[in-house]
Amino acid sequence: MATKKITPKERAIKKEIKRLNDLFKDLEENKKSASEGLIQEAAFMRATLADLKEDINKNGVIDEMEQGDYSILRESPAVKTYNTMIQRYTTVMKELLSLFPKDVPVVEDDGFDAFVMNR
């Protein structure tokens, strides 16, 4: 029985899932289970964004499209996909980060109240 070869993208996804799981390991159990799907999607999008970025760097942002006897220049499909996906990735990451507890800002005592009260 042959073992399936893991692609670089699958390896990147697994690595990102591990990174995000480590980041969110201290969440409450109910929030942790809610985060699982978002983590999977964020990992996929991050790996895909890296692939798209590599394609854009290699082939540029402008694509030449043949139209019969002539050709037109247009935005590369990779750029369109990258721009759409980066927005979705940002939204997913914001959603994940919102699962962290909100820290109540601590007002630092500058000693002024104590000074006034002791006068």
PDB file of N, CA and C in Angstrom:
ATOM      1  N   MET A   1       0.838  -1.173   0.000  1.00  0.00           N
ATOM      2  CA  MET A   1       0.000   0.000   0.000  1.00  0.00           C
ATOM      3  C   MET A   1       0.892   1.247   0.000  1.00  0.00           C
ATOM      4  N   ALA A   2       0.708   2.105  -0.966  1.00  0.00           N
ATOM      5  CA  ALA A   2       1.531   3.299  -1.109  1.00  0.00           C
ATOM      6  C   ALA A   2       1.016   4.398  -0.181  1.00  0.00           C
ATOM      7  N   THR A   3       1.953   5.122   0.387  1.00  0.00           N
ATOM      8  CA  THR A   3       1.563   6.252   1.230  1.00  0.00           C
ATOM      9  C   THR A   3       1.417   7.490   0.367  1.00  0.00           C
ATOM     10  N   LYS A   4       0.466   8.296   0.742  1.00  0.00           N
ATOM     11  CA  LYS A   4       0.197   9.519  -0.015  1.00  0.00           C
ATOM     12  C   LYS A   4       1.286  10.543   0.289  1.00  0.00           C
ATOM     13  N   LYS A   5       1.825  11.129  -0.747  1.00  0.00           N
ATOM     14  CA  LYS A   5       2.847  12.148  -0.587  1.00  0.00           C
ATOM     15  C   LYS A   5       2.184  13.466  -0.183  1.00  0.00           C
ATOM     16  N   ILE A   6       2.695  14.084   0.853  1.00  0.00           N
ATOM     17  CA  ILE A   6       2.152  15.357   1.340  1.00  0.00           C
ATOM     18  C   ILE A   6       2.741  16.486   0.507  1.00  0.00           C
ATOM     19  N   THR A   7       1.863  17.310  -0.031  1.00  0.00           N
ATOM     20  CA  THR A   7       2.299  18.432  -0.863  1.00  0.00           C
ATOM     21  C   THR A   7       2.831  19.556   0.022  1.00  0.00           C
ATOM     22  N   PRO A   8       3.633  20.442  -0.545  1.00  0.00           N
ATOM     23  CA  PRO A   8       4.112  21.586   0.234  1.00  0.00           C
ATOM     24  C   PRO A   8       2.958  22.426   0.804  1.00  0.00           C
ATOM     25  N   LYS A   9       1.874  22.555   0.050  1.00  0.00           N
ATOM     26  CA  LYS A   9       0.739  23.332   0.535  1.00  0.00           C
ATOM     27  C   LYS A   9       0.087  22.644   1.728  1.00  0.00           C
ATOM     28  N   GLU A  10      -0.087  21.322   1.652  1.00  0.00           N
ATOM     29  CA  GLU A  10      -0.652  20.580   2.792  1.00  0.00           C
ATOM     30  C   GLU A  10       0.241  20.708   4.023  1.00  0.00           C
ATOM     31  N   ARG A  11       1.541  20.686   3.801  1.00  0.00           N
ATOM     32  CA  ARG A  11       2.493  20.842   4.901  1.00  0.00           C
ATOM     33  C   ARG A  11       2.361  22.239   5.520  1.00  0.00           C
ATOM     34  N   ALA A  12       2.207  23.249   4.671  1.00  0.00           N
ATOM     35  CA  ALA A  12       2.043  24.628   5.156  1.00  0.00           C
ATOM     36  C   ALA A  12       0.738  24.778   5.940  1.00  0.00           C
ATOM     37  N   ILE A  13      -0.322  24.130   5.467  1.00  0.00           N
ATOM     38  CA  ILE A  13      -1.606  24.193   6.161  1.00  0.00           C
ATOM     39  C   ILE A  13      -1.487  23.550   7.540  1.00  0.00           C
ATOM     40  N   LYS A  14      -0.888  22.371   7.595  1.00  0.00           N
ATOM     41  CA  LYS A  14      -0.722  21.684   8.891  1.00  0.00           C
ATOM     42  C   LYS A  14       0.120  22.518   9.855  1.00  0.00           C
ATOM     43  N   LYS A  15       1.166  23.133   9.334  1.00  0.00           N
ATOM     44  CA  LYS A  15       2.036  23.965  10.162  1.00  0.00           C
ATOM     45  C   LYS A  15       1.257  25.160  10.721  1.00  0.00           C
ATOM     46  N   GLU A  16       0.419  25.775   9.886  1.00  0.00           N
ATOM     47  CA  GLU A  16      -0.370  26.926  10.324  1.00  0.00           C
ATOM     48  C   GLU A  16      -1.452  26.507  11.311  1.00  0.00           C
ATOM     49  N   ILE A  17      -2.061  25.356  11.096  1.00  0.00           N
ATOM     50  CA  ILE A  17      -3.051  24.852  12.054  1.00  0.00           C
ATOM     51  C   ILE A  17      -2.395  24.658  13.413  1.00  0.00           C
ATOM     52  N   LYS A  18      -1.210  24.073  13.429  1.00  0.00           N
ATOM     53  CA  LYS A  18      -0.497  23.868  14.698  1.00  0.00           C
ATOM     54  C   LYS A  18      -0.182  25.210  15.352  1.00  0.00           C
ATOM     55  N   ARG A  19       0.280  26.165  14.561  1.00  0.00           N
ATOM     56  CA  ARG A  19       0.615  27.486  15.106  1.00  0.00           C
ATOM     57  C   ARG A  19      -0.614  28.146  15.725  1.00  0.00           C
ATOM     58  N   LEU A  20      -1.732  28.105  15.010  1.00  0.00           N
ATOM     59  CA  LEU A  20      -2.953  28.728  15.519  1.00  0.00           C
ATOM     60  C   LEU A  20      -3.513  27.979  16.723  1.00  0.00           C
ATOM     61  N   ASN A  21      -3.460  26.644  16.692  1.00  0.00           N
ATOM     62  CA  ASN A  21      -3.920  25.872  17.847  1.00  0.00           C
ATOM     63  C   ASN A  21      -3.094  26.197  19.085  1.00  0.00           C
ATOM     64  N   ASP A  22      -1.781  26.349  18.907  1.00  0.00           N
ATOM     65  CA  ASP A  22      -0.920  26.731  20.034  1.00  0.00           C
ATOM     66  C   ASP A  22      -1.298  28.117  20.555  1.00  0.00           C
ATOM     67  N   LEU A  23      -1.597  29.010  19.652  1.00  0.00           N
ATOM     68  CA  LEU A  23      -1.964  30.372  20.027  1.00  0.00           C
ATOM     69  C   LEU A  23      -3.271  30.400  20.820  1.00  0.00           C
ATOM     70  N   PHE A  24      -4.212  29.535  20.449  1.00  0.00           N
ATOM     71  CA  PHE A  24      -5.535  29.534  21.065  1.00  0.00           C
ATOM     72  C   PHE A  24      -5.732  28.412  22.082  1.00  0.00           C
ATOM     73  N   LYS A  25      -4.658  27.776  22.510  1.00  0.00           N
ATOM     74  CA  LYS A  25      -4.777  26.615  23.402  1.00  0.00           C
ATOM     75  C   LYS A  25      -5.389  26.942  24.763  1.00  0.00           C
ATOM     76  N   ASP A  26      -5.269  28.176  25.222  1.00  0.00           N
ATOM     77  CA  ASP A  26      -5.773  28.534  26.548  1.00  0.00           C
ATOM     78  C   ASP A  26      -7.192  29.079  26.537  1.00  0.00           C
ATOM     79  N   LEU A  27      -7.861  29.021  25.405  1.00  0.00           N
ATOM     80  CA  LEU A  27      -9.245  29.489  25.343  1.00  0.00           C
ATOM     81  C   LEU A  27     -10.148  28.573  26.164  1.00  0.00           C
ATOM     82  N   GLU A  28     -11.275  29.121  26.601  1.00  0.00           N
ATOM     83  CA  GLU A  28     -12.281  28.291  27.259  1.00  0.00           C
ATOM     84  C   GLU A  28     -12.684  27.195  26.288  1.00  0.00           C
ATOM     85  N   GLU A  29     -13.095  26.051  26.825  1.00  0.00           N
ATOM     86  CA  GLU A  29     -13.382  24.881  25.994  1.00  0.00           C
ATOM     87  C   GLU A  29     -14.454  25.153  24.934  1.00  0.00           C
ATOM     88  N   ASN A  30     -15.524  25.862  25.297  1.00  0.00           N
ATOM     89  CA  ASN A  30     -16.584  26.127  24.313  1.00  0.00           C
ATOM     90  C   ASN A  30     -16.086  27.055  23.203  1.00  0.00           C
ATOM     91  N   LYS A  31     -15.240  28.010  23.532  1.00  0.00           N
ATOM     92  CA  LYS A  31     -14.682  28.896  22.509  1.00  0.00           C
ATOM     93  C   LYS A  31     -13.666  28.159  21.652  1.00  0.00           C
ATOM     94  N   LYS A  32     -12.938  27.237  22.287  1.00  0.00           N
ATOM     95  CA  LYS A  32     -11.940  26.465  21.542  1.00  0.00           C
ATOM     96  C   LYS A  32     -12.620  25.612  20.473  1.00  0.00           C
ATOM     97  N   SER A  33     -13.743  24.990  20.827  1.00  0.00           N
ATOM     98  CA  SER A  33     -14.436  24.163  19.834  1.00  0.00           C
ATOM     99  C   SER A  33     -15.052  25.040  18.738  1.00  0.00           C
ATOM    100  N   ALA A  34     -15.468  26.249  19.101  1.00  0.00           N
ATOM    101  CA  ALA A  34     -16.010  27.173  18.103  1.00  0.00           C
ATOM    102  C   ALA A  34     -14.918  27.663  17.153  1.00  0.00           C
ATOM    103  N   SER A  35     -13.697  27.680  17.622  1.00  0.00           N
ATOM    104  CA  SER A  35     -12.601  28.202  16.807  1.00  0.00           C
ATOM    105  C   SER A  35     -12.053  27.192  15.803  1.00  0.00           C
ATOM    106  N   GLU A  36     -12.368  25.919  15.964  1.00  0.00           N
ATOM    107  CA  GLU A  36     -11.764  24.872  15.130  1.00  0.00           C
ATOM    108  C   GLU A  36     -11.959  25.114  13.633  1.00  0.00           C
ATOM    109  N   GLY A  37     -13.189  25.382  13.230  1.00  0.00           N
ATOM    110  CA  GLY A  37     -13.458  25.604  11.808  1.00  0.00           C
ATOM    111  C   GLY A  37     -12.770  26.843  11.279  1.00  0.00           C
ATOM    112  N   LEU A  38     -12.767  27.902  12.092  1.00  0.00           N
ATOM    113  CA  LEU A  38     -12.099  29.137  11.674  1.00  0.00           C
ATOM    114  C   LEU A  38     -10.599  28.917  11.522  1.00  0.00           C
ATOM    115  N   ILE A  39     -10.032  28.131  12.418  1.00  0.00           N
ATOM    116  CA  ILE A  39      -8.596  27.835  12.342  1.00  0.00           C
ATOM    117  C   ILE A  39      -8.290  27.062  11.059  1.00  0.00           C
ATOM    118  N   GLN A  40      -9.128  26.077  10.731  1.00  0.00           N
ATOM    119  CA  GLN A  40      -8.936  25.303   9.498  1.00  0.00           C
ATOM    120  C   GLN A  40      -8.977  26.223   8.271  1.00  0.00           C
ATOM    121  N   GLU A  41      -9.970  27.089   8.240  1.00  0.00           N
ATOM    122  CA  GLU A  41     -10.125  27.996   7.094  1.00  0.00           C
ATOM    123  C   GLU A  41      -8.977  29.004   7.026  1.00  0.00           C
ATOM    124  N   ALA A  42      -8.591  29.552   8.171  1.00  0.00           N
ATOM    125  CA  ALA A  42      -7.493  30.525   8.200  1.00  0.00           C
ATOM    126  C   ALA A  42      -6.195  29.885   7.718  1.00  0.00           C
ATOM    127  N   ALA A  43      -5.955  28.651   8.127  1.00  0.00           N
ATOM    128  CA  ALA A  43      -4.734  27.948   7.707  1.00  0.00           C
ATOM    129  C   ALA A  43      -4.733  27.722   6.196  1.00  0.00           C
ATOM    130  N   PHE A  44      -5.876  27.296   5.658  1.00  0.00           N
ATOM    131  CA  PHE A  44      -5.975  27.098   4.212  1.00  0.00           C
ATOM    132  C   PHE A  44      -5.746  28.411   3.475  1.00  0.00           C
ATOM    133  N   MET A  45      -6.395  29.474   3.951  1.00  0.00           N
ATOM    134  CA  MET A  45      -6.263  30.758   3.267  1.00  0.00           C
ATOM    135  C   MET A  45      -4.831  31.277   3.330  1.00  0.00           C
ATOM    136  N   ARG A  46      -4.165  31.110   4.459  1.00  0.00           N
ATOM    137  CA  ARG A  46      -2.791  31.602   4.570  1.00  0.00           C
ATOM    138  C   ARG A  46      -1.867  30.861   3.602  1.00  0.00           C
ATOM    139  N   ALA A  47      -2.045  29.548   3.496  1.00  0.00           N
ATOM    140  CA  ALA A  47      -1.218  28.772   2.560  1.00  0.00           C
ATOM    141  C   ALA A  47      -1.536  29.153   1.116  1.00  0.00           C
ATOM    142  N   THR A  48      -2.809  29.362   0.821  1.00  0.00           N
ATOM    143  CA  THR A  48      -3.211  29.747  -0.527  1.00  0.00           C
ATOM    144  C   THR A  48      -2.706  31.142  -0.864  1.00  0.00           C
ATOM    145  N   LEU A  49      -2.781  32.049   0.096  1.00  0.00           N
ATOM    146  CA  LEU A  49      -2.267  33.405  -0.116  1.00  0.00           C
ATOM    147  C   LEU A  49      -0.772  33.373  -0.423  1.00  0.00           C
ATOM    148  N   ALA A  50      -0.040  32.496   0.248  1.00  0.00           N
ATOM    149  CA  ALA A  50       1.400  32.375  -0.026  1.00  0.00           C
ATOM    150  C   ALA A  50       1.629  31.893  -1.461  1.00  0.00           C
ATOM    151  N   ASP A  51       0.817  30.923  -1.903  1.00  0.00           N
ATOM    152  CA  ASP A  51       0.929  30.433  -3.283  1.00  0.00           C
ATOM    153  C   ASP A  51       0.614  31.550  -4.279  1.00  0.00           C
ATOM    154  N   LEU A  52      -0.465  32.280  -3.992  1.00  0.00           N
ATOM    155  CA  LEU A  52      -0.860  33.374  -4.894  1.00  0.00           C
ATOM    156  C   LEU A  52       0.213  34.456  -4.937  1.00  0.00           C
ATOM    157  N   LYS A  53       0.776  34.767  -3.792  1.00  0.00           N
ATOM    158  CA  LYS A  53       1.825  35.788  -3.743  1.00  0.00           C
ATOM    159  C   LYS A  53       3.031  35.356  -4.564  1.00  0.00           C
ATOM    160  N   GLU A  54       3.373  34.087  -4.470  1.00  0.00           N
ATOM    161  CA  GLU A  54       4.494  33.559  -5.258  1.00  0.00           C
ATOM    162  C   GLU A  54       4.194  33.683  -6.753  1.00  0.00           C
ATOM    163  N   ASP A  55       2.968  33.362  -7.147  1.00  0.00           N
ATOM    164  CA  ASP A  55       2.568  33.474  -8.552  1.00  0.00           C
ATOM    165  C   ASP A  55       2.631  34.923  -9.020  1.00  0.00           C
ATOM    166  N   ILE A  56       2.147  35.839  -8.189  1.00  0.00           N
ATOM    167  CA  ILE A  56       2.154  37.265  -8.536  1.00  0.00           C
ATOM    168  C   ILE A  56       3.587  37.772  -8.678  1.00  0.00           C
ATOM    169  N   ASN A  57       4.457  37.376  -7.756  1.00  0.00           N
ATOM    170  CA  ASN A  57       5.854  37.793  -7.832  1.00  0.00           C
ATOM    171  C   ASN A  57       6.536  37.242  -9.080  1.00  0.00           C
ATOM    172  N   LYS A  58       6.162  36.035  -9.468  1.00  0.00           N
ATOM    173  CA  LYS A  58       6.770  35.395 -10.633  1.00  0.00           C
ATOM    174  C   LYS A  58       6.221  35.965 -11.947  1.00  0.00           C
ATOM    175  N   ASN A  59       4.898  36.144 -12.020  1.00  0.00           N
ATOM    176  CA  ASN A  59       4.254  36.493 -13.292  1.00  0.00           C
ATOM    177  C   ASN A  59       3.780  37.940 -13.387  1.00  0.00           C
ATOM    178  N   GLY A  60       3.848  38.689 -12.293  1.00  0.00           N
ATOM    179  CA  GLY A  60       3.438  40.081 -12.322  1.00  0.00           C
ATOM    180  C   GLY A  60       1.951  40.270 -12.064  1.00  0.00           C
ATOM    181  N   VAL A  61       1.558  41.521 -11.989  1.00  0.00           N
ATOM    182  CA  VAL A  61       0.170  41.854 -11.668  1.00  0.00           C
ATOM    183  C   VAL A  61      -0.689  42.050 -12.915  1.00  0.00           C
ATOM    184  N   ILE A  62      -0.045  42.161 -14.065  1.00  0.00           N
ATOM    185  CA  ILE A  62      -0.755  42.355 -15.329  1.00  0.00           C
ATOM    186  C   ILE A  62      -0.643  41.075 -16.147  1.00  0.00           C
ATOM    187  N   ASP A  63      -1.757  40.689 -16.759  1.00  0.00           N
ATOM    188  CA  ASP A  63      -1.838  39.480 -17.559  1.00  0.00           C
ATOM    189  C   ASP A  63      -2.240  39.873 -18.977  1.00  0.00           C
ATOM    190  N   GLU A  64      -1.621  39.243 -19.963  1.00  0.00           N
ATOM    191  CA  GLU A  64      -2.002  39.512 -21.352  1.00  0.00           C
ATOM    192  C   GLU A  64      -2.980  38.431 -21.791  1.00  0.00           C
ATOM    193  N   MET A  65      -4.144  38.866 -22.265  1.00  0.00           N
ATOM    194  CA  MET A  65      -5.182  37.932 -22.668  1.00  0.00           C
ATOM    195  C   MET A  65      -5.411  38.054 -24.174  1.00  0.00           C
ATOM    196  N   GLU A  66      -5.261  36.928 -24.846  1.00  0.00           N
ATOM    197  CA  GLU A  66      -5.460  36.893 -26.304  1.00  0.00           C
ATOM    198  C   GLU A  66      -6.942  37.054 -26.623  1.00  0.00           C
ATOM    199  N   GLN A  67      -7.243  37.907 -27.590  1.00  0.00           N
ATOM    200  CA  GLN A  67      -8.610  38.142 -28.063  1.00  0.00           C
ATOM    201  C   GLN A  67      -8.614  38.055 -29.585  1.00  0.00           C
ATOM    202  N   GLY A  68      -8.528  36.862 -30.102  1.00  0.00           N
ATOM    203  CA  GLY A  68      -8.503  36.699 -31.559  1.00  0.00           C
ATOM    204  C   GLY A  68      -7.223  37.256 -32.155  1.00  0.00           C
ATOM    205  N   ASP A  69      -7.351  38.324 -32.965  1.00  0.00           N
ATOM    206  CA  ASP A  69      -6.197  38.914 -33.642  1.00  0.00           C
ATOM    207  C   ASP A  69      -5.400  39.873 -32.761  1.00  0.00           C
ATOM    208  N   TYR A  70      -5.908  40.201 -31.629  1.00  0.00           N
ATOM    209  CA  TYR A  70      -5.216  41.151 -30.740  1.00  0.00           C
ATOM    210  C   TYR A  70      -5.239  40.619 -29.307  1.00  0.00           C
ATOM    211  N   SER A  71      -4.553  41.319 -28.444  1.00  0.00           N
ATOM    212  CA  SER A  71      -4.543  40.934 -27.033  1.00  0.00           C
ATOM    213  C   SER A  71      -4.781  42.177 -26.185  1.00  0.00           C
ATOM    214  N   ILE A  72      -5.284  41.927 -25.000  1.00  0.00           N
ATOM    215  CA  ILE A  72      -5.518  43.033 -24.064  1.00  0.00           C
ATOM    216  C   ILE A  72      -4.770  42.744 -22.772  1.00  0.00           C
ATOM    217  N   LEU A  73      -4.428  43.823 -22.082  1.00  0.00           N
ATOM    218  CA  LEU A  73      -3.807  43.687 -20.774  1.00  0.00           C
ATOM    219  C   LEU A  73      -4.900  43.804 -19.723  1.00  0.00           C
ATOM    220  N   ARG A  74      -4.814  42.956 -18.707  1.00  0.00           N
ATOM    221  CA  ARG A  74      -5.803  42.972 -17.638  1.00  0.00           C
ATOM    222  C   ARG A  74      -5.124  42.615 -16.320  1.00  0.00           C
ATOM    223  N   GLU A  75      -5.847  42.856 -15.263  1.00  0.00           N
ATOM    224  CA  GLU A  75      -5.356  42.461 -13.952  1.00  0.00           C
ATOM    225  C   GLU A  75      -5.244  40.939 -13.915  1.00  0.00           C
ATOM    226  N   SER A  76      -4.156  40.461 -13.389  1.00  0.00           N
ATOM    227  CA  SER A  76      -3.933  39.024 -13.293  1.00  0.00           C
ATOM    228  C   SER A  76      -5.032  38.373 -12.447  1.00  0.00           C
ATOM    229  N   PRO A  77      -5.538  37.210 -12.861  1.00  0.00           N
ATOM    230  CA  PRO A  77      -6.529  36.504 -12.037  1.00  0.00           C
ATOM    231  C   PRO A  77      -5.986  36.183 -10.639  1.00  0.00           C
ATOM    232  N   ALA A  78      -4.677  35.952 -10.534  1.00  0.00           N
ATOM    233  CA  ALA A  78      -4.076  35.684  -9.224  1.00  0.00           C
ATOM    234  C   ALA A  78      -4.198  36.913  -8.318  1.00  0.00           C
ATOM    235  N   VAL A  79      -4.056  38.104  -8.891  1.00  0.00           N
ATOM    236  CA  VAL A  79      -4.179  39.337  -8.100  1.00  0.00           C
ATOM    237  C   VAL A  79      -5.613  39.498  -7.609  1.00  0.00           C
ATOM    238  N   LYS A  80      -6.570  39.245  -8.489  1.00  0.00           N
ATOM    239  CA  LYS A  80      -7.982  39.348  -8.088  1.00  0.00           C
ATOM    240  C   LYS A  80      -8.280  38.389  -6.948  1.00  0.00           C
ATOM    241  N   THR A  81      -7.855  37.152  -7.104  1.00  0.00           N
ATOM    242  CA  THR A  81      -8.099  36.140  -6.079  1.00  0.00           C
ATOM    243  C   THR A  81      -7.389  36.505  -4.778  1.00  0.00           C
ATOM    244  N   TYR A  82      -6.147  36.969  -4.882  1.00  0.00           N
ATOM    245  CA  TYR A  82      -5.392  37.367  -3.699  1.00  0.00           C
ATOM    246  C   TYR A  82      -6.116  38.493  -2.957  1.00  0.00           C
ATOM    247  N   ASN A  83      -6.547  39.516  -3.697  1.00  0.00           N
ATOM    248  CA  ASN A  83      -7.203  40.658  -3.057  1.00  0.00           C
ATOM    249  C   ASN A  83      -8.498  40.253  -2.353  1.00  0.00           C
ATOM    250  N   THR A  84      -9.250  39.371  -2.952  1.00  0.00           N
ATOM    251  CA  THR A  84     -10.482  38.899  -2.327  1.00  0.00           C
ATOM    252  C   THR A  84     -10.176  38.050  -1.099  1.00  0.00           C
ATOM    253  N   MET A  85      -9.223  37.133  -1.247  1.00  0.00           N
ATOM    254  CA  MET A  85      -8.924  36.207  -0.154  1.00  0.00           C
ATOM    255  C   MET A  85      -8.274  36.905   1.028  1.00  0.00           C
ATOM    256  N   ILE A  86      -7.447  37.914   0.797  1.00  0.00           N
ATOM    257  CA  ILE A  86      -6.798  38.595   1.920  1.00  0.00           C
ATOM    258  C   ILE A  86      -7.843  39.295   2.777  1.00  0.00           C
ATOM    259  N   GLN A  87      -8.900  39.799   2.152  1.00  0.00           N
ATOM    260  CA  GLN A  87      -9.988  40.416   2.919  1.00  0.00           C
ATOM    261  C   GLN A  87     -10.705  39.370   3.761  1.00  0.00           C
ATOM    262  N   ARG A  88     -10.974  38.224   3.181  1.00  0.00           N
ATOM    263  CA  ARG A  88     -11.654  37.145   3.919  1.00  0.00           C
ATOM    264  C   ARG A  88     -10.766  36.623   5.046  1.00  0.00           C
ATOM    265  N   TYR A  89      -9.481  36.499   4.766  1.00  0.00           N
ATOM    266  CA  TYR A  89      -8.530  36.038   5.780  1.00  0.00           C
ATOM    267  C   TYR A  89      -8.504  37.003   6.964  1.00  0.00           C
ATOM    268  N   THR A  90      -8.472  38.282   6.669  1.00  0.00           N
ATOM    269  CA  THR A  90      -8.479  39.294   7.725  1.00  0.00           C
ATOM    270  C   THR A  90      -9.744  39.180   8.566  1.00  0.00           C
ATOM    271  N   THR A  91     -10.876  38.953   7.923  1.00  0.00           N
ATOM    272  CA  THR A  91     -12.139  38.802   8.641  1.00  0.00           C
ATOM    273  C   THR A  91     -12.114  37.573   9.545  1.00  0.00           C
ATOM    274  N   VAL A  92     -11.626  36.466   9.035  1.00  0.00           N
ATOM    275  CA  VAL A  92     -11.545  35.234   9.831  1.00  0.00           C
ATOM    276  C   VAL A  92     -10.612  35.439  11.018  1.00  0.00           C
ATOM    277  N   MET A  93      -9.469  36.083  10.794  1.00  0.00           N
ATOM    278  CA  MET A  93      -8.525  36.307  11.895  1.00  0.00           C
ATOM    279  C   MET A  93      -9.116  37.238  12.949  1.00  0.00           C
ATOM    280  N   LYS A  94      -9.846  38.263  12.529  1.00  0.00           N
ATOM    281  CA  LYS A  94     -10.506  39.143  13.497  1.00  0.00           C
ATOM    282  C   LYS A  94     -11.507  38.355  14.326  1.00  0.00           C
ATOM    283  N   GLU A  95     -12.238  37.470  13.669  1.00  0.00           N
ATOM    284  CA  GLU A  95     -13.221  36.630  14.366  1.00  0.00           C
ATOM    285  C   GLU A  95     -12.526  35.725  15.374  1.00  0.00           C
ATOM    286  N   LEU A  96     -11.417  35.142  14.981  1.00  0.00           N
ATOM    287  CA  LEU A  96     -10.658  34.300  15.905  1.00  0.00           C
ATOM    288  C   LEU A  96     -10.131  35.101  17.090  1.00  0.00           C
ATOM    289  N   LEU A  97      -9.558  36.256  16.797  1.00  0.00           N
ATOM    290  CA  LEU A  97      -8.990  37.070  17.867  1.00  0.00           C
ATOM    291  C   LEU A  97     -10.058  37.597  18.818  1.00  0.00           C
ATOM    292  N   SER A  98     -11.284  37.726  18.328  1.00  0.00           N
ATOM    293  CA  SER A  98     -12.363  38.200  19.201  1.00  0.00           C
ATOM    294  C   SER A  98     -12.753  37.155  20.240  1.00  0.00           C
ATOM    295  N   LEU A  99     -12.293  35.914  20.075  1.00  0.00           N
ATOM    296  CA  LEU A  99     -12.578  34.865  21.050  1.00  0.00           C
ATOM    297  C   LEU A  99     -11.749  35.015  22.317  1.00  0.00           C
ATOM    298  N   PHE A 100     -10.644  35.764  22.221  1.00  0.00           N
ATOM    299  CA  PHE A 100      -9.844  36.012  23.419  1.00  0.00           C
ATOM    300  C   PHE A 100     -10.630  36.881  24.386  1.00  0.00           C
ATOM    301  N   PRO A 101     -10.422  36.679  25.693  1.00  0.00           N
ATOM    302  CA  PRO A 101     -11.132  37.525  26.665  1.00  0.00           C
ATOM    303  C   PRO A 101     -10.719  38.979  26.507  1.00  0.00           C
ATOM    304  N   LYS A 102     -11.682  39.841  26.723  1.00  0.00           N
ATOM    305  CA  LYS A 102     -11.413  41.279  26.661  1.00  0.00           C
ATOM    306  C   LYS A 102     -10.746  41.688  27.978  1.00  0.00           C
ATOM    307  N   ASP A 103      -9.583  42.259  27.869  1.00  0.00           N
ATOM    308  CA  ASP A 103      -8.886  42.735  29.068  1.00  0.00           C
ATOM    309  C   ASP A 103      -9.477  44.061  29.495  1.00  0.00           C
ATOM    310  N   VAL A 104      -9.768  44.161  30.765  1.00  0.00           N
ATOM    311  CA  VAL A 104     -10.255  45.420  31.315  1.00  0.00           C
ATOM    312  C   VAL A 104      -9.034  46.295  31.561  1.00  0.00           C
ATOM    313  N   PRO A 105      -9.030  47.506  30.991  1.00  0.00           N
ATOM    314  CA  PRO A 105      -7.856  48.361  31.186  1.00  0.00           C
ATOM    315  C   PRO A 105      -7.694  48.716  32.665  1.00  0.00           C
ATOM    316  N   VAL A 106      -6.474  48.583  33.138  1.00  0.00           N
ATOM    317  CA  VAL A 106      -6.155  48.894  34.525  1.00  0.00           C
ATOM    318  C   VAL A 106      -5.674  50.337  34.579  1.00  0.00           C
ATOM    319  N   VAL A 107      -6.345  51.137  35.406  1.00  0.00           N
ATOM    320  CA  VAL A 107      -5.947  52.523  35.564  1.00  0.00           C
ATOM    321  C   VAL A 107      -4.825  52.556  36.594  1.00  0.00           C
ATOM    322  N   GLU A 108      -3.700  53.061  36.160  1.00  0.00           N
ATOM    323  CA  GLU A 108      -2.550  53.117  37.044  1.00  0.00           C
ATOM    324  C   GLU A 108      -2.709  54.265  38.023  1.00  0.00           C
ATOM    325  N   ASP A 109      -2.439  53.992  39.289  1.00  0.00           N
ATOM    326  CA  ASP A 109      -2.545  55.011  40.330  1.00  0.00           C
ATOM    327  C   ASP A 109      -1.296  55.884  40.278  1.00  0.00           C
ATOM    328  N   ASP A 110      -1.513  57.173  39.999  1.00  0.00           N
ATOM    329  CA  ASP A 110      -0.380  58.089  39.926  1.00  0.00           C
ATOM    330  C   ASP A 110      -0.097  58.752  41.275  1.00  0.00           C
ATOM    331  N   GLY A 111      -0.875  58.410  42.282  1.00  0.00           N
ATOM    332  CA  GLY A 111      -0.652  58.940  43.628  1.00  0.00           C
ATOM    333  C   GLY A 111      -1.318  60.274  43.887  1.00  0.00           C
ATOM    334  N   PHE A 112      -1.943  60.871  42.906  1.00  0.00           N
ATOM    335  CA  PHE A 112      -2.547  62.184  43.075  1.00  0.00           C
ATOM    336  C   PHE A 112      -3.694  62.148  44.076  1.00  0.00           C
ATOM    337  N   ASP A 113      -4.596  61.169  43.966  1.00  0.00           N
ATOM    338  CA  ASP A 113      -5.726  61.078  44.906  1.00  0.00           C
ATOM    339  C   ASP A 113      -5.248  60.937  46.345  1.00  0.00           C
ATOM    340  N   ALA A 114      -4.253  60.110  46.573  1.00  0.00           N
ATOM    341  CA  ALA A 114      -3.721  59.945  47.929  1.00  0.00           C
ATOM    342  C   ALA A 114      -3.108  61.249  48.424  1.00  0.00           C
ATOM    343  N   PHE A 115      -2.435  61.942  47.548  1.00  0.00           N
ATOM    344  CA  PHE A 115      -1.827  63.214  47.926  1.00  0.00           C
ATOM    345  C   PHE A 115      -2.906  64.215  48.365  1.00  0.00           C
ATOM    346  N   VAL A 116      -3.971  64.311  47.562  1.00  0.00           N
ATOM    347  CA  VAL A 116      -5.056  65.259  47.873  1.00  0.00           C
ATOM    348  C   VAL A 116      -5.746  64.867  49.169  1.00  0.00           C
ATOM    349  N   MET A 117      -5.983  63.566  49.384  1.00  0.00           N
ATOM    350  CA  MET A 117      -6.690  63.106  50.578  1.00  0.00           C
ATOM    351  C   MET A 117      -5.854  63.332  51.844  1.00  0.00           C
ATOM    352  N   ASN A 118      -4.561  63.345  51.738  1.00  0.00           N
ATOM    353  CA  ASN A 118      -3.696  63.527  52.906  1.00  0.00           C
ATOM    354  C   ASN A 118      -3.431  65.001  53.221  1.00  0.00           C
ATOM    355  N   ARG A 119      -3.937  65.917  52.497  1.00  0.00           N
ATOM    356  CA  ARG A 119      -3.711  67.344  52.729  1.00  0.00           C
ATOM    357  C   ARG A 119      -4.702  67.889  53.668  1.00  0.00           C
TER     358      ARG A 119
END
